[in-house]
Amino acid sequence: MGLFEDFSAFLEMRLEEFLRSNPDLELMALEEKLREQEEETIRLLADLRLREKKIQDEILATAQEVQRWHVRIEKAKAAQRLDLLKPAEEREAALLRQGNQLWGQMDVIKNRMKQTTELHQQIQARKQEVKVKVAEAQAQAKAAKASASQAAYEQVEQKWQTSGWNQSYRFNSSSAADPLEQQFKQWETEEELERLKRQMGR
């Protein structure tokens, strides 16, 4: 059964080994793959349960037929109907063979169900492993982003302090080359003129 071989091959590998051999496969993609495999095992289990029920019904029907033909054999023996006895015995033997085959099929299905249930549990365990690793990776990415943001902020702040404070220190307040100084002087002069006008207008 291809499904079991595929799943077993995948699950026999440790998660770390799988990721090492598939570096391009992201954790989220791995989580999705496991989710799909889990759904597949659930569908397979449902199918196996239906087949189990069908074979159980067939076994029951075959057992009833064996019982019916056994009664007929006894009846033919009692009546010494040898013409009916041998064919009836052959029919009972054929039904018994059919019943044995059905029991064999039932055993195969029960084993498959056991394997599929174990496989489902393994997939769930791997899913939990991947979920933890996804959370760890997200936490690391968040921490790295926060660290990068903090470093960028510190770099900008350091640059501002270096250029801003040093630049302002180099400016001479009386220098005509300082445009900010000129703007303030013009504003202060205008304010002084306005104040004088108000005083003269009294």
Protein backbone atom coordinates (compact mmCIF):
# COMPACT_ATOMS: atom_id res chain seq x y z
CA MET A 1 0.00 0.00 0.00
CA GLY A 2 1.75 3.10 -1.26
CA LEU A 3 0.29 5.44 1.33
CA PHE A 4 1.85 3.54 4.23
CA GLU A 5 5.27 3.34 2.54
CA ASP A 6 5.24 7.07 1.77
CA PHE A 7 4.18 8.06 5.29
CA SER A 8 6.55 5.62 6.97
CA ALA A 9 9.51 6.87 4.93
CA PHE A 10 8.64 10.45 5.86
CA LEU A 11 8.01 9.77 9.54
CA GLU A 12 11.03 7.53 10.08
CA MET A 13 13.28 10.55 9.46
CA ARG A 14 13.89 12.87 12.35
CA LEU A 15 12.51 16.35 11.80
CA GLU A 16 15.96 17.94 12.03
CA GLU A 17 17.37 15.58 9.39
CA PHE A 18 14.47 16.29 7.08
CA LEU A 19 14.96 20.03 7.40
CA ARG A 20 18.72 19.72 6.90
CA SER A 21 18.23 17.76 3.68
CA ASN A 22 15.51 20.18 2.53
CA PRO A 23 16.74 23.65 3.52
CA ASP A 24 14.41 25.30 1.03
CA LEU A 25 11.37 23.72 2.65
CA GLU A 26 10.04 26.17 5.18
CA LEU A 27 8.48 25.11 8.46
CA MET A 28 5.11 26.43 7.37
CA ALA A 29 5.22 24.25 4.26
CA LEU A 30 6.19 21.27 6.41
CA GLU A 31 3.28 21.99 8.73
CA GLU A 32 0.93 22.09 5.73
CA LYS A 33 2.32 18.76 4.45
CA LEU A 34 1.68 17.13 7.83
CA ARG A 35 -1.85 18.57 7.91
CA GLU A 36 -2.56 17.04 4.49
CA GLN A 37 -1.17 13.68 5.61
CA GLU A 38 -3.31 13.80 8.75
CA GLU A 39 -6.42 14.38 6.62
CA GLU A 40 -5.38 11.49 4.37
CA THR A 41 -5.05 9.09 7.32
CA ILE A 42 -8.47 10.18 8.62
CA ARG A 43 -10.02 9.48 5.19
CA LEU A 44 -8.22 6.12 5.06
CA LEU A 45 -9.49 5.16 8.51
CA ALA A 46 -13.05 6.03 7.50
CA ASP A 47 -12.69 3.90 4.35
CA LEU A 48 -11.26 0.97 6.34
CA ARG A 49 -14.13 1.16 8.84
CA LEU A 50 -16.66 0.98 5.97
CA ARG A 51 -14.85 -2.03 4.49
CA GLU A 52 -14.71 -3.68 7.92
CA LYS A 53 -18.49 -3.23 8.34
CA LYS A 54 -19.13 -4.63 4.84
CA ILE A 55 -16.99 -7.74 5.50
CA GLN A 56 -18.63 -8.24 8.91
CA ASP A 57 -22.01 -8.25 7.16
CA GLU A 58 -20.71 -10.72 4.55
CA ILE A 59 -19.28 -13.01 7.27
CA LEU A 60 -22.61 -12.99 9.08
CA ALA A 61 -24.53 -13.73 5.87
CA THR A 62 -22.09 -16.55 4.99
CA ALA A 63 -22.41 -18.06 8.48
CA GLN A 64 -26.20 -18.05 8.11
CA GLU A 65 -25.87 -19.76 4.73
CA VAL A 66 -23.51 -22.40 6.17
CA GLN A 67 -26.04 -23.06 8.93
CA ARG A 68 -28.89 -23.34 6.40
CA TRP A 69 -26.98 -25.80 4.21
CA HIS A 70 -25.87 -27.82 7.25
CA VAL A 71 -29.52 -28.33 8.19
CA ARG A 72 -30.22 -29.45 4.59
CA ILE A 73 -27.29 -31.91 4.71
CA GLU A 74 -28.66 -33.46 7.91
CA LYS A 75 -32.12 -33.65 6.33
CA ALA A 76 -30.73 -35.33 3.17
CA LYS A 77 -28.79 -37.81 5.33
CA ALA A 78 -31.88 -38.66 7.34
CA ALA A 79 -33.89 -39.18 4.18
CA GLN A 80 -30.99 -41.01 2.53
CA ARG A 81 -31.15 -38.64 -0.43
CA LEU A 82 -27.64 -39.28 -1.68
CA ASP A 83 -28.40 -37.34 -4.89
CA LEU A 84 -28.86 -34.19 -2.77
CA LEU A 85 -26.40 -34.98 0.01
CA LYS A 86 -23.14 -34.70 -1.97
CA PRO A 87 -24.00 -31.41 -3.74
CA ALA A 88 -25.21 -29.95 -0.42
CA GLU A 89 -21.93 -30.94 1.28
CA GLU A 90 -19.98 -29.34 -1.60
CA ARG A 91 -22.03 -26.17 -1.21
CA GLU A 92 -21.36 -26.08 2.55
CA ALA A 93 -17.61 -26.62 1.94
CA ALA A 94 -17.56 -23.74 -0.60
CA LEU A 95 -19.33 -21.47 1.90
CA LEU A 96 -16.84 -22.42 4.62
CA ARG A 97 -13.93 -21.58 2.27
CA GLN A 98 -15.61 -18.25 1.50
CA GLY A 99 -16.02 -17.60 5.23
CA ASN A 100 -12.31 -18.33 5.83
CA GLN A 101 -11.34 -15.92 3.05
CA LEU A 102 -13.56 -13.24 4.58
CA TRP A 103 -11.95 -13.78 7.99
CA GLY A 104 -8.53 -13.38 6.32
CA GLN A 105 -9.67 -10.13 4.72
CA MET A 106 -11.00 -8.96 8.10
CA ASP A 107 -7.59 -9.61 9.71
CA VAL A 108 -5.84 -7.61 6.96
CA ILE A 109 -8.25 -4.69 7.44
CA LYS A 110 -7.86 -4.77 11.23
CA ASN A 111 -4.05 -4.65 10.84
CA ARG A 112 -4.35 -1.78 8.38
CA MET A 113 -6.60 0.08 10.81
CA LYS A 114 -4.09 -0.46 13.60
CA GLN A 115 -1.23 0.80 11.39
CA THR A 116 -3.26 3.79 10.22
CA THR A 117 -4.22 4.71 13.80
CA GLU A 118 -0.55 4.55 14.86
CA LEU A 119 0.39 6.59 11.80
CA HIS A 120 -2.21 9.21 12.69
CA GLN A 121 -0.75 9.47 16.20
CA GLN A 122 2.78 9.85 14.76
CA ILE A 123 1.62 12.60 12.41
CA GLN A 124 -0.05 14.44 15.30
CA ALA A 125 3.18 14.20 17.32
CA ARG A 126 5.22 15.56 14.37
CA LYS A 127 2.67 18.32 13.87
CA GLN A 128 3.14 19.35 17.49
CA GLU A 129 6.94 19.33 17.02
CA VAL A 130 6.65 21.53 13.94
CA LYS A 131 4.18 23.82 15.69
CA VAL A 132 6.69 24.36 18.50
CA LYS A 133 9.48 24.99 15.99
CA VAL A 134 7.29 27.44 14.03
CA ALA A 135 6.58 29.33 17.28
CA GLU A 136 10.31 29.35 18.11
CA ALA A 137 11.20 30.58 14.61
CA GLN A 138 8.56 33.33 14.81
CA ALA A 139 9.82 34.38 18.24
CA GLN A 140 13.41 34.48 16.95
CA ALA A 141 12.36 36.48 13.89
CA LYS A 142 10.43 38.92 16.11
CA ALA A 143 13.41 39.28 18.46
CA ALA A 144 15.77 39.80 15.51
CA LYS A 145 13.44 42.43 14.05
CA ALA A 146 13.18 44.21 17.40
CA SER A 147 16.96 44.06 17.79
CA ALA A 148 17.46 45.44 14.26
CA SER A 149 14.95 48.23 14.93
CA GLN A 150 16.68 49.12 18.19
CA ALA A 151 20.09 49.11 16.47
CA ALA A 152 18.75 51.34 13.68
CA TYR A 153 17.21 53.72 16.24
CA GLU A 154 20.45 53.89 18.19
CA GLN A 155 22.40 54.50 14.99
CA VAL A 156 20.10 57.36 13.96
CA GLU A 157 20.16 58.80 17.48
CA GLN A 158 23.94 58.60 17.61
CA LYS A 159 24.21 60.24 14.19
CA TRP A 160 21.80 63.01 15.24
CA GLN A 161 23.72 63.62 18.46
CA THR A 162 27.05 63.66 16.67
CA SER A 163 26.00 65.86 13.78
CA GLY A 164 23.43 67.97 15.62
CA TRP A 165 25.35 68.86 18.75
CA ASN A 166 28.68 69.25 16.96
CA GLN A 167 27.14 71.36 14.25
CA SER A 168 25.37 73.65 16.69
CA TYR A 169 28.57 73.94 18.68
CA ARG A 170 30.48 75.11 15.59
CA PHE A 171 27.96 77.87 14.82
CA ASN A 172 28.87 81.34 16.05
CA SER A 173 25.74 83.10 17.29
CA SER A 174 26.98 86.36 15.79
CA SER A 175 27.95 84.79 12.50
CA ALA A 176 26.06 86.09 9.49
CA ALA A 177 26.39 82.68 7.90
CA ASP A 178 23.88 81.20 10.38
CA PRO A 179 20.42 81.43 8.72
CA LEU A 180 18.59 80.45 11.90
CA GLU A 181 20.34 83.23 13.81
CA GLN A 182 19.32 85.70 11.08
CA GLN A 183 15.68 84.59 11.20
CA PHE A 184 15.48 85.04 14.93
CA LYS A 185 17.16 88.44 14.75
CA GLN A 186 14.71 89.60 12.10
CA TRP A 187 11.76 88.36 14.14
CA GLU A 188 13.08 89.99 17.32
CA THR A 189 13.65 93.27 15.44
CA GLU A 190 10.08 93.21 14.08
CA GLU A 191 8.74 92.56 17.56
CA GLU A 192 10.75 95.48 18.95
CA LEU A 193 9.42 97.80 16.19
CA GLU A 194 5.85 96.76 16.99
CA ARG A 195 6.44 97.44 20.68
CA LEU A 196 7.83 100.95 19.91
CA LYS A 197 4.87 101.74 17.64
CA ARG A 198 2.46 100.81 20.41
CA GLN A 199 4.32 103.00 22.89
CA MET A 200 4.34 106.00 20.51
CA GLY A 201 0.67 105.60 19.76
CA ARG A 202 -0.32 106.25 23.40
